[in-house]
Amino acid sequence: MSLEPNPGKTRLTLLGVFLASPFIPLFLSAVGLFLSLSIVVPAPTLAILPLGVGAPEVSPWLVCVNAIALILVILRRHEGWLYNVALVCSLLGLLLSVLPLIHFPAANARIAAEMQTVLGTDYLTKVSQSELLPMRTQPLVLADAFRGISIEEVRIDRGILFAKPDGVKLKLNVYRPLPIGKYPTIIVIYGGAWRTGTPDNNETFNRYMAAQGYSVVAIDYRHAPQYRFPAQLEDVQAALSYIQIHAKELEVDTERMALMGRSAGAHLAMIAAYRLDAVPVRAVVNYYGPVNLTEGYYDPPFPDPIDTRAVLRTFLGGTPDELAEVYRQASPISYVQPELPPTLLVYAGRDHLVQAKFGRQIYEQLQATGNRAVLLEIPWAEHSFDAVFNGVSNQLALYYTERFLAWALKSSYD
């Protein structure tokens, strides 16, 4: 007879003891409801904003937690009134946690129709099957929400110095497929309220897109309050010049480039792409970027966890009353004109840093001036939702972002 311990049996025993504890159903019920409430209750402070960002994205996990809590509470509800309270909490938590999944089909249908309306029903027909094959096959794969999204190995070169304004070393990272070649290129600008961040931000996305056959160049810029606008724009322009000059060694196809940014980075990407002296790019991707800084100052979100007005004063040096022209020059909507690159606008419907209505505002302005603009609005999502790369919202955004970029950079659109 073997006396060696059985790890599998031991784990099952511990799990049984854990679930048998009278406090576990109450604990799971409370935790499940608390986290699920963050799906609908906005974060009043920056400290708890990550809950508001993350809760909708991990809703499949929360559904499981609430469902387990509900079953355990039902089994114990005869043991006292506290379990009846927990039963109500678990039911409410389950209802809240399933909301993103309930709304997902309608949001996906709207976005799919929008893509076809703006880009054409056959917008992917000019992209080769070999290029389409690696892309995600569904807007939501529930298994990926639990196990993560797999990414093929890519080449990464970090810390390449491209400029040194005022002695500040500005560097970029390059992410490329394994075979050496010349690739359509996505130039990525990070967010962080113009105050924080590095080219290492959102590296999972950069690696993912490199594995899809792109050179992805993540660039740096100087931060406020030490450096105010237009220093950040000048740094983006310096990076674009460097990329053009060193295109061969970076494996960049300068005739097939897109500018992409998140939040403050999206703001800089739009201005850099829309100006009359802009470096030619074939597309712009704006993830929840501020577009009208004057209106954003006078109409901040509620609640306002980052203090929008303080952020803008730090970035621009004053209020719109004091610096009206600076606010105008720093607002991407001021640069909207005919014949701009096609733009993908990705906004979170419950964004409490950059309200989705501003995304709709520049979308309408772009369309009114004859430009191609696609609006991808995710009703349940909060700002920076794509920080959870395998989350529900990012799976939806990623599915259409990679199709938009394939259309813009890997086909000859008319």
Protein backbone atom coordinates (compact mmCIF):
# COMPACT_ATOMS: atom_id res chain seq x y z
CA MET A 1 0.00 0.00 0.00
CA SER A 2 1.42 3.37 -1.05
CA LEU A 3 1.81 6.02 1.63
CA GLU A 4 2.76 8.79 -0.80
CA PRO A 5 0.43 11.82 -0.69
CA ASN A 6 -1.99 12.37 -3.55
CA PRO A 7 -1.84 16.07 -4.51
CA GLY A 8 -5.08 15.90 -6.51
CA LYS A 9 -7.00 14.31 -3.65
CA THR A 10 -5.52 16.80 -1.18
CA ARG A 11 -6.64 19.76 -3.31
CA LEU A 12 -10.16 18.35 -3.59
CA THR A 13 -10.29 17.85 0.17
CA LEU A 14 -9.17 21.42 0.83
CA LEU A 15 -11.72 22.71 -1.67
CA GLY A 16 -14.44 20.71 0.05
CA VAL A 17 -13.47 22.12 3.45
CA PHE A 18 -13.39 25.62 1.96
CA LEU A 19 -16.86 25.35 0.43
CA ALA A 20 -18.28 23.71 3.55
CA SER A 21 -17.36 26.68 5.72
CA PRO A 22 -20.50 28.59 6.78
CA PHE A 23 -18.76 31.92 6.08
CA ILE A 24 -17.71 31.20 2.49
CA PRO A 25 -21.17 31.72 0.90
CA LEU A 26 -21.52 35.03 2.75
CA PHE A 27 -18.03 36.11 1.73
CA LEU A 28 -18.49 35.20 -1.94
CA SER A 29 -21.90 36.86 -2.01
CA ALA A 30 -20.53 40.11 -0.57
CA VAL A 31 -17.44 40.17 -2.79
CA GLY A 32 -19.42 39.27 -5.92
CA LEU A 33 -21.96 42.02 -5.32
CA PHE A 34 -19.31 44.62 -4.46
CA LEU A 35 -17.31 43.97 -7.63
CA SER A 36 -20.43 43.70 -9.79
CA LEU A 37 -21.69 47.06 -8.53
CA SER A 38 -18.59 48.60 -10.10
CA ILE A 39 -20.06 47.74 -13.51
CA VAL A 40 -22.83 50.33 -13.03
CA VAL A 41 -21.59 52.63 -10.23
CA PRO A 42 -18.83 54.99 -11.46
CA ALA A 43 -15.66 55.39 -9.42
CA PRO A 44 -15.63 58.74 -7.55
CA THR A 45 -11.85 58.73 -7.00
CA LEU A 46 -8.74 57.77 -8.94
CA ALA A 47 -7.83 55.21 -6.28
CA ILE A 48 -10.83 52.99 -7.02
CA LEU A 49 -11.05 53.75 -10.75
CA PRO A 50 -9.36 50.41 -11.56
CA LEU A 51 -12.46 48.66 -10.18
CA GLY A 52 -14.70 50.59 -12.56
CA VAL A 53 -12.35 49.80 -15.44
CA GLY A 54 -11.84 46.14 -14.66
CA ALA A 55 -15.23 44.94 -13.41
CA PRO A 56 -17.04 44.99 -16.80
CA GLU A 57 -14.04 43.35 -18.45
CA VAL A 58 -13.98 40.37 -16.09
CA SER A 59 -17.76 39.98 -16.07
CA PRO A 60 -17.56 36.29 -17.13
CA TRP A 61 -15.50 35.65 -13.99
CA LEU A 62 -17.98 37.63 -11.90
CA VAL A 63 -20.86 35.62 -13.34
CA CYS A 64 -19.13 32.46 -12.11
CA VAL A 65 -18.41 33.92 -8.66
CA ASN A 66 -21.98 35.12 -8.23
CA ALA A 67 -23.43 31.86 -9.51
CA ILE A 68 -21.30 29.80 -7.09
CA ALA A 69 -22.24 32.11 -4.24
CA LEU A 70 -25.92 31.80 -5.16
CA ILE A 71 -25.81 28.00 -5.15
CA LEU A 72 -24.00 27.85 -1.80
CA VAL A 73 -26.40 30.36 -0.24
CA ILE A 74 -29.44 28.45 -1.48
CA LEU A 75 -28.05 25.29 0.13
CA ARG A 76 -27.72 27.12 3.46
CA ARG A 77 -30.64 29.55 3.44
CA HIS A 78 -32.45 27.47 6.09
CA GLU A 79 -29.65 28.27 8.55
CA GLY A 80 -30.70 31.85 9.24
CA TRP A 81 -31.78 35.24 7.95
CA LEU A 82 -28.22 36.24 7.05
CA TYR A 83 -28.27 33.71 4.24
CA ASN A 84 -31.52 35.18 2.93
CA VAL A 85 -29.79 38.56 2.72
CA ALA A 86 -26.88 36.90 0.95
CA LEU A 87 -29.33 35.28 -1.46
CA VAL A 88 -30.62 38.71 -2.51
CA CYS A 89 -27.04 40.00 -2.82
CA SER A 90 -26.03 37.06 -5.01
CA LEU A 91 -29.06 37.45 -7.25
CA LEU A 92 -28.35 41.18 -7.67
CA GLY A 93 -24.65 40.52 -8.27
CA LEU A 94 -25.47 37.91 -10.88
CA LEU A 95 -27.84 40.28 -12.66
CA LEU A 96 -25.26 43.09 -12.71
CA SER A 97 -22.38 40.87 -13.79
CA VAL A 98 -24.25 39.52 -16.78
CA LEU A 99 -25.16 42.98 -18.13
CA PRO A 100 -22.12 43.40 -20.45
CA LEU A 101 -22.76 39.95 -21.92
CA ILE A 102 -26.44 40.74 -22.42
CA HIS A 103 -25.65 44.00 -24.23
CA PHE A 104 -22.79 42.54 -26.26
CA PRO A 105 -24.79 41.17 -29.25
CA ALA A 106 -26.58 44.48 -29.92
CA ALA A 107 -23.36 46.50 -29.61
CA ASN A 108 -21.56 44.11 -31.93
CA ALA A 109 -24.36 44.28 -34.51
CA ARG A 110 -24.25 48.11 -34.50
CA ILE A 111 -20.50 48.19 -34.95
CA ALA A 112 -20.53 45.57 -37.71
CA ALA A 113 -23.17 47.59 -39.58
CA GLU A 114 -21.16 50.79 -39.04
CA MET A 115 -18.00 49.23 -40.48
CA GLN A 116 -19.83 48.08 -43.59
CA THR A 117 -21.67 51.38 -44.03
CA VAL A 118 -18.48 53.47 -43.85
CA LEU A 119 -15.92 51.14 -45.42
CA GLY A 120 -18.18 49.17 -47.75
CA THR A 121 -19.79 45.75 -47.47
CA ASP A 122 -16.76 44.20 -49.18
CA TYR A 123 -14.12 46.18 -47.30
CA LEU A 124 -11.95 43.13 -46.58
CA THR A 125 -12.10 41.53 -50.03
CA LYS A 126 -8.84 43.21 -51.11
CA VAL A 127 -6.98 41.80 -48.11
CA SER A 128 -5.34 38.47 -48.90
CA GLN A 129 -6.57 35.36 -47.15
CA SER A 130 -3.12 34.79 -45.68
CA GLU A 131 -3.40 38.20 -43.96
CA LEU A 132 -6.93 37.54 -42.73
CA LEU A 133 -6.18 34.09 -41.36
CA PRO A 134 -4.36 35.14 -38.13
CA MET A 135 -7.10 37.57 -37.10
CA ARG A 136 -9.65 36.75 -34.44
CA THR A 137 -12.60 34.82 -35.80
CA GLN A 138 -15.21 36.07 -33.31
CA PRO A 139 -15.80 39.40 -31.54
CA LEU A 140 -16.03 37.52 -28.24
CA VAL A 141 -14.48 34.20 -27.29
CA LEU A 142 -15.55 33.43 -23.73
CA ALA A 143 -12.78 30.90 -23.28
CA ASP A 144 -10.24 33.67 -23.94
CA ALA A 145 -11.77 35.73 -21.13
CA PHE A 146 -10.59 33.00 -18.76
CA ARG A 147 -7.40 31.65 -20.35
CA GLY A 148 -6.14 34.82 -22.07
CA ILE A 149 -5.49 35.62 -25.74
CA SER A 150 -2.57 33.73 -27.20
CA ILE A 151 0.18 35.74 -28.94
CA GLU A 152 2.87 34.42 -31.23
CA GLU A 153 6.52 35.23 -30.58
CA VAL A 154 7.79 38.49 -32.09
CA ARG A 155 11.04 40.49 -32.18
CA ILE A 156 11.26 43.38 -29.72
CA ASP A 157 13.84 46.18 -29.66
CA ARG A 158 13.47 48.59 -26.76
CA GLY A 159 14.98 51.93 -25.85
CA ILE A 160 15.99 53.27 -29.27
CA LEU A 161 16.89 56.94 -28.81
CA PHE A 162 15.15 59.17 -31.39
CA ALA A 163 15.48 62.69 -29.93
CA LYS A 164 16.94 64.61 -27.00
CA PRO A 165 15.05 67.92 -26.61
CA ASP A 166 16.24 69.96 -23.62
CA GLY A 167 18.41 67.01 -22.68
CA VAL A 168 15.40 64.70 -22.22
CA LYS A 169 16.14 61.33 -23.81
CA LEU A 170 13.13 60.22 -25.85
CA LYS A 171 13.09 56.60 -26.89
CA LEU A 172 10.95 54.21 -28.87
CA ASN A 173 10.24 50.49 -28.90
CA VAL A 174 9.82 48.42 -32.05
CA TYR A 175 7.80 45.21 -32.25
CA ARG A 176 8.12 43.16 -35.46
CA PRO A 177 7.24 39.72 -36.83
CA LEU A 178 9.99 37.12 -36.69
CA PRO A 179 10.85 37.15 -40.43
CA ILE A 180 12.95 40.15 -41.44
CA GLY A 181 11.04 42.28 -43.93
CA LYS A 182 9.25 45.53 -44.66
CA TYR A 183 5.89 45.78 -42.93
CA PRO A 184 2.85 48.04 -42.75
CA THR A 185 3.37 50.06 -39.62
CA ILE A 186 1.37 51.18 -36.60
CA ILE A 187 2.88 54.08 -34.66
CA VAL A 188 1.50 53.95 -31.11
CA ILE A 189 1.33 56.84 -28.63
CA TYR A 190 0.57 56.02 -25.01
CA GLY A 191 -1.89 57.82 -22.73
CA GLY A 192 -1.53 59.06 -19.17
CA ALA A 193 -3.10 62.54 -19.06
CA TRP A 194 0.07 63.88 -20.78
CA ARG A 195 1.79 63.41 -17.39
CA THR A 196 2.83 59.77 -17.17
CA GLY A 197 3.57 56.72 -19.29
CA THR A 198 6.32 55.07 -21.32
CA PRO A 199 6.60 53.29 -24.68
CA ASP A 200 6.34 50.03 -22.68
CA ASN A 201 2.65 50.72 -22.05
CA ASN A 202 0.13 48.39 -23.73
CA GLU A 203 2.90 46.04 -24.79
CA THR A 204 0.52 43.09 -25.07
CA PHE A 205 -1.38 44.89 -27.83
CA ASN A 206 1.86 45.85 -29.57
CA ARG A 207 3.09 42.27 -29.53
CA TYR A 208 -0.28 41.01 -30.74
CA MET A 209 -0.33 43.36 -33.73
CA ALA A 210 3.30 42.61 -34.58
CA ALA A 211 2.35 38.93 -34.71
CA GLN A 212 -0.37 39.89 -37.21
CA GLY A 213 2.27 41.17 -39.64
CA TYR A 214 2.92 44.79 -38.64
CA SER A 215 5.89 46.78 -37.47
CA VAL A 216 4.62 48.47 -34.32
CA VAL A 217 6.58 51.50 -33.14
CA ALA A 218 5.73 52.79 -29.65
CA ILE A 219 7.05 56.31 -29.12
CA ASP A 220 7.76 58.57 -26.15
CA TYR A 221 7.11 62.26 -25.45
CA ARG A 222 7.87 64.80 -22.73
CA HIS A 223 5.40 65.14 -19.87
CA ALA A 224 3.48 67.96 -18.22
CA PRO A 225 3.72 69.94 -16.03
CA GLN A 226 7.43 70.44 -16.72
CA TYR A 227 6.70 70.54 -20.45
CA ARG A 228 3.46 71.97 -21.77
CA PHE A 229 1.79 71.79 -25.14
CA PRO A 230 3.00 71.90 -27.89
CA ALA A 231 6.13 70.13 -26.58
CA GLN A 232 4.35 66.76 -26.74
CA LEU A 233 3.26 67.33 -30.33
CA GLU A 234 6.79 68.38 -31.29
CA ASP A 235 8.09 65.13 -29.83
CA VAL A 236 5.58 63.08 -31.82
CA GLN A 237 6.64 64.91 -34.97
CA ALA A 238 10.30 64.26 -34.14
CA ALA A 239 9.52 60.56 -33.75
CA LEU A 240 7.72 60.49 -37.10
CA SER A 241 10.71 62.13 -38.80
CA TYR A 242 13.07 59.63 -37.19
CA ILE A 243 10.88 56.72 -38.32
CA GLN A 244 10.88 58.00 -41.89
CA ILE A 245 14.66 58.48 -41.95
CA HIS A 246 15.34 55.08 -40.37
CA ALA A 247 12.50 53.21 -42.07
CA LYS A 248 14.74 50.54 -43.58
CA GLU A 249 16.37 49.47 -40.34
CA LEU A 250 13.06 49.66 -38.47
CA GLU A 251 11.40 47.59 -41.24
CA VAL A 252 8.76 50.27 -41.73
CA ASP A 253 6.76 50.73 -44.92
CA THR A 254 6.41 54.52 -44.96
CA GLU A 255 3.63 54.32 -47.55
CA ARG A 256 1.51 52.18 -45.24
CA MET A 257 1.55 53.80 -41.81
CA ALA A 258 -1.20 54.40 -39.25
CA LEU A 259 -1.11 56.60 -36.18
CA MET A 260 -2.76 55.16 -33.08
CA GLY A 261 -3.11 56.53 -29.59
CA ARG A 262 -4.94 56.00 -26.34
CA SER A 263 -6.46 58.85 -24.34
CA ALA A 264 -3.82 61.65 -24.29
CA GLY A 265 -1.90 59.69 -26.92
CA ALA A 266 -4.97 59.59 -29.17
CA HIS A 267 -5.27 63.36 -28.78
CA LEU A 268 -1.68 63.76 -30.02
CA ALA A 269 -2.16 61.22 -32.80
CA MET A 270 -5.16 63.08 -34.20
CA ILE A 271 -3.45 66.47 -34.23
CA ALA A 272 -0.28 65.00 -35.76
CA ALA A 273 -2.31 63.31 -38.51
CA TYR A 274 -4.78 66.14 -39.20
CA ARG A 275 -2.44 69.15 -39.42
CA LEU A 276 -1.70 70.63 -42.84
CA ASP A 277 1.99 69.81 -42.40
CA ALA A 278 1.29 66.24 -41.24
CA VAL A 279 3.42 63.27 -42.22
CA PRO A 280 1.21 61.24 -44.59
CA VAL A 281 -0.50 58.30 -42.89
CA ARG A 282 -3.16 55.98 -44.23
CA ALA A 283 -5.27 55.80 -41.05
CA VAL A 284 -5.78 57.09 -37.53
CA VAL A 285 -6.99 55.00 -34.59
CA ASN A 286 -8.28 56.98 -31.62
CA TYR A 287 -8.98 55.07 -28.42
CA TYR A 288 -10.99 57.37 -26.11
CA GLY A 289 -9.00 60.51 -26.87
CA PRO A 290 -10.04 64.07 -25.85
CA VAL A 291 -10.98 66.09 -28.92
CA ASN A 292 -12.41 69.40 -27.70
CA LEU A 293 -10.40 70.65 -24.76
CA THR A 294 -12.38 73.85 -24.25
CA GLU A 295 -15.70 72.02 -23.94
CA GLY A 296 -14.00 69.30 -21.94
CA TYR A 297 -12.91 71.93 -19.42
CA TYR A 298 -16.35 73.48 -19.06
CA ASP A 299 -18.21 70.17 -19.13
CA PRO A 300 -16.20 67.66 -17.08
CA PRO A 301 -17.59 64.21 -16.27
CA PHE A 302 -19.40 63.43 -13.04
CA PRO A 303 -17.90 61.96 -11.02
CA ASP A 304 -14.54 63.30 -12.14
CA PRO A 305 -11.90 60.97 -10.64
CA ILE A 306 -8.86 62.64 -12.23
CA ASP A 307 -10.00 66.29 -11.85
CA THR A 308 -10.21 67.07 -15.56
CA ARG A 309 -9.83 70.81 -15.15
CA ALA A 310 -6.62 70.44 -13.12
CA VAL A 311 -5.22 68.06 -15.75
CA LEU A 312 -5.94 70.54 -18.55
CA ARG A 313 -4.49 73.48 -16.62
CA THR A 314 -1.34 71.43 -16.00
CA PHE A 315 -1.09 70.48 -19.67
CA LEU A 316 -1.84 73.90 -21.19
CA GLY A 317 -0.85 76.33 -18.44
CA GLY A 318 -4.20 77.92 -17.64
CA THR A 319 -7.94 78.01 -18.23
CA PRO A 320 -9.79 78.51 -21.54
CA ASP A 321 -10.64 82.05 -20.44
CA GLU A 322 -6.94 82.80 -20.06
CA LEU A 323 -5.65 80.79 -23.04
CA ALA A 324 -8.47 80.51 -25.55
CA GLU A 325 -6.18 80.23 -28.58
CA VAL A 326 -3.97 77.62 -26.92
CA TYR A 327 -7.02 75.49 -26.13
CA ARG A 328 -8.16 75.82 -29.75
CA GLN A 329 -4.74 74.81 -31.09
CA ALA A 330 -4.62 71.88 -28.69
CA SER A 331 -8.06 70.56 -29.72
CA PRO A 332 -8.06 67.94 -32.52
CA ILE A 333 -11.54 69.01 -33.59
CA SER A 334 -10.02 72.35 -34.68
CA TYR A 335 -8.07 70.52 -37.40
CA VAL A 336 -10.96 68.66 -39.01
CA GLN A 337 -11.05 69.42 -42.73
CA PRO A 338 -11.76 67.48 -45.92
CA GLU A 339 -9.45 64.71 -47.15
CA LEU A 340 -8.16 63.48 -43.81
CA PRO A 341 -7.02 59.87 -43.31
CA PRO A 342 -9.80 57.40 -42.42
CA THR A 343 -10.31 57.36 -38.67
CA LEU A 344 -11.45 54.68 -36.25
CA LEU A 345 -12.92 56.17 -33.08
CA VAL A 346 -13.17 53.81 -30.10
CA TYR A 347 -15.02 55.19 -27.07
CA ALA A 348 -16.38 53.77 -23.83
CA GLY A 349 -20.03 54.55 -23.19
CA ARG A 350 -19.47 54.92 -19.43
CA ASP A 351 -16.16 56.79 -19.65
CA HIS A 352 -15.66 59.16 -16.71
CA LEU A 353 -12.39 60.62 -17.96
CA VAL A 354 -13.16 61.37 -21.61
CA GLN A 355 -16.89 61.31 -22.19
CA ALA A 356 -18.15 59.36 -25.18
CA LYS A 357 -20.19 62.34 -26.38
CA PHE A 358 -16.95 64.01 -27.44
CA GLY A 359 -16.13 61.01 -29.59
CA ARG A 360 -19.54 61.37 -31.21
CA GLN A 361 -18.85 65.08 -31.70
CA ILE A 362 -15.68 64.60 -33.75
CA TYR A 363 -17.28 61.64 -35.54
CA GLU A 364 -20.09 63.90 -36.77
CA GLN A 365 -17.60 66.63 -37.71
CA LEU A 366 -15.45 64.21 -39.69
CA GLN A 367 -18.42 62.83 -41.56
CA ALA A 368 -19.82 66.31 -42.23
CA THR A 369 -16.56 67.26 -43.96
CA GLY A 370 -16.60 64.19 -46.19
CA ASN A 371 -14.12 62.05 -44.27
CA ARG A 372 -14.41 58.36 -43.51
CA ALA A 373 -14.91 57.84 -39.79
CA VAL A 374 -16.04 54.72 -37.95
CA LEU A 375 -17.41 55.06 -34.41
CA LEU A 376 -17.04 52.04 -32.18
CA GLU A 377 -18.84 52.82 -28.91
CA ILE A 378 -18.95 50.20 -26.15
CA PRO A 379 -21.92 51.05 -23.91
CA TRP A 380 -20.82 49.30 -20.69
CA ALA A 381 -17.09 50.11 -20.79
CA GLU A 382 -15.03 52.60 -18.77
CA HIS A 383 -11.91 54.54 -19.78
CA SER A 384 -8.82 52.39 -20.44
CA PHE A 385 -10.96 49.26 -20.74
CA ASP A 386 -8.32 47.67 -22.98
CA ALA A 387 -5.90 47.49 -20.05
CA VAL A 388 -7.61 44.11 -19.53
CA PHE A 389 -6.44 42.68 -22.83
CA ASN A 390 -8.61 39.56 -22.74
CA GLY A 391 -11.59 41.46 -21.34
CA VAL A 392 -15.03 41.58 -22.92
CA SER A 393 -14.70 45.14 -24.25
CA ASN A 394 -11.19 44.76 -25.59
CA GLN A 395 -12.09 41.58 -27.42
CA LEU A 396 -14.80 43.55 -29.21
CA ALA A 397 -12.53 46.53 -29.92
CA LEU A 398 -9.63 44.33 -30.99
CA TYR A 399 -11.77 42.37 -33.44
CA TYR A 400 -12.75 45.51 -35.36
CA THR A 401 -9.49 47.42 -34.86
CA GLU A 402 -7.47 44.71 -36.57
CA ARG A 403 -9.99 44.60 -39.42
CA PHE A 404 -9.91 48.38 -39.82
CA LEU A 405 -6.11 48.37 -39.88
CA ALA A 406 -6.00 45.46 -42.34
CA TRP A 407 -8.34 47.40 -44.64
CA ALA A 408 -6.29 50.61 -44.25
CA LEU A 409 -2.77 49.17 -44.43
CA LYS A 410 -3.01 45.85 -46.25
CA SER A 411 -5.41 46.70 -49.09
CA SER A 412 -5.84 49.46 -51.66
CA TYR A 413 -8.97 51.20 -50.44
CA ASP A 414 -10.61 53.74 -52.74
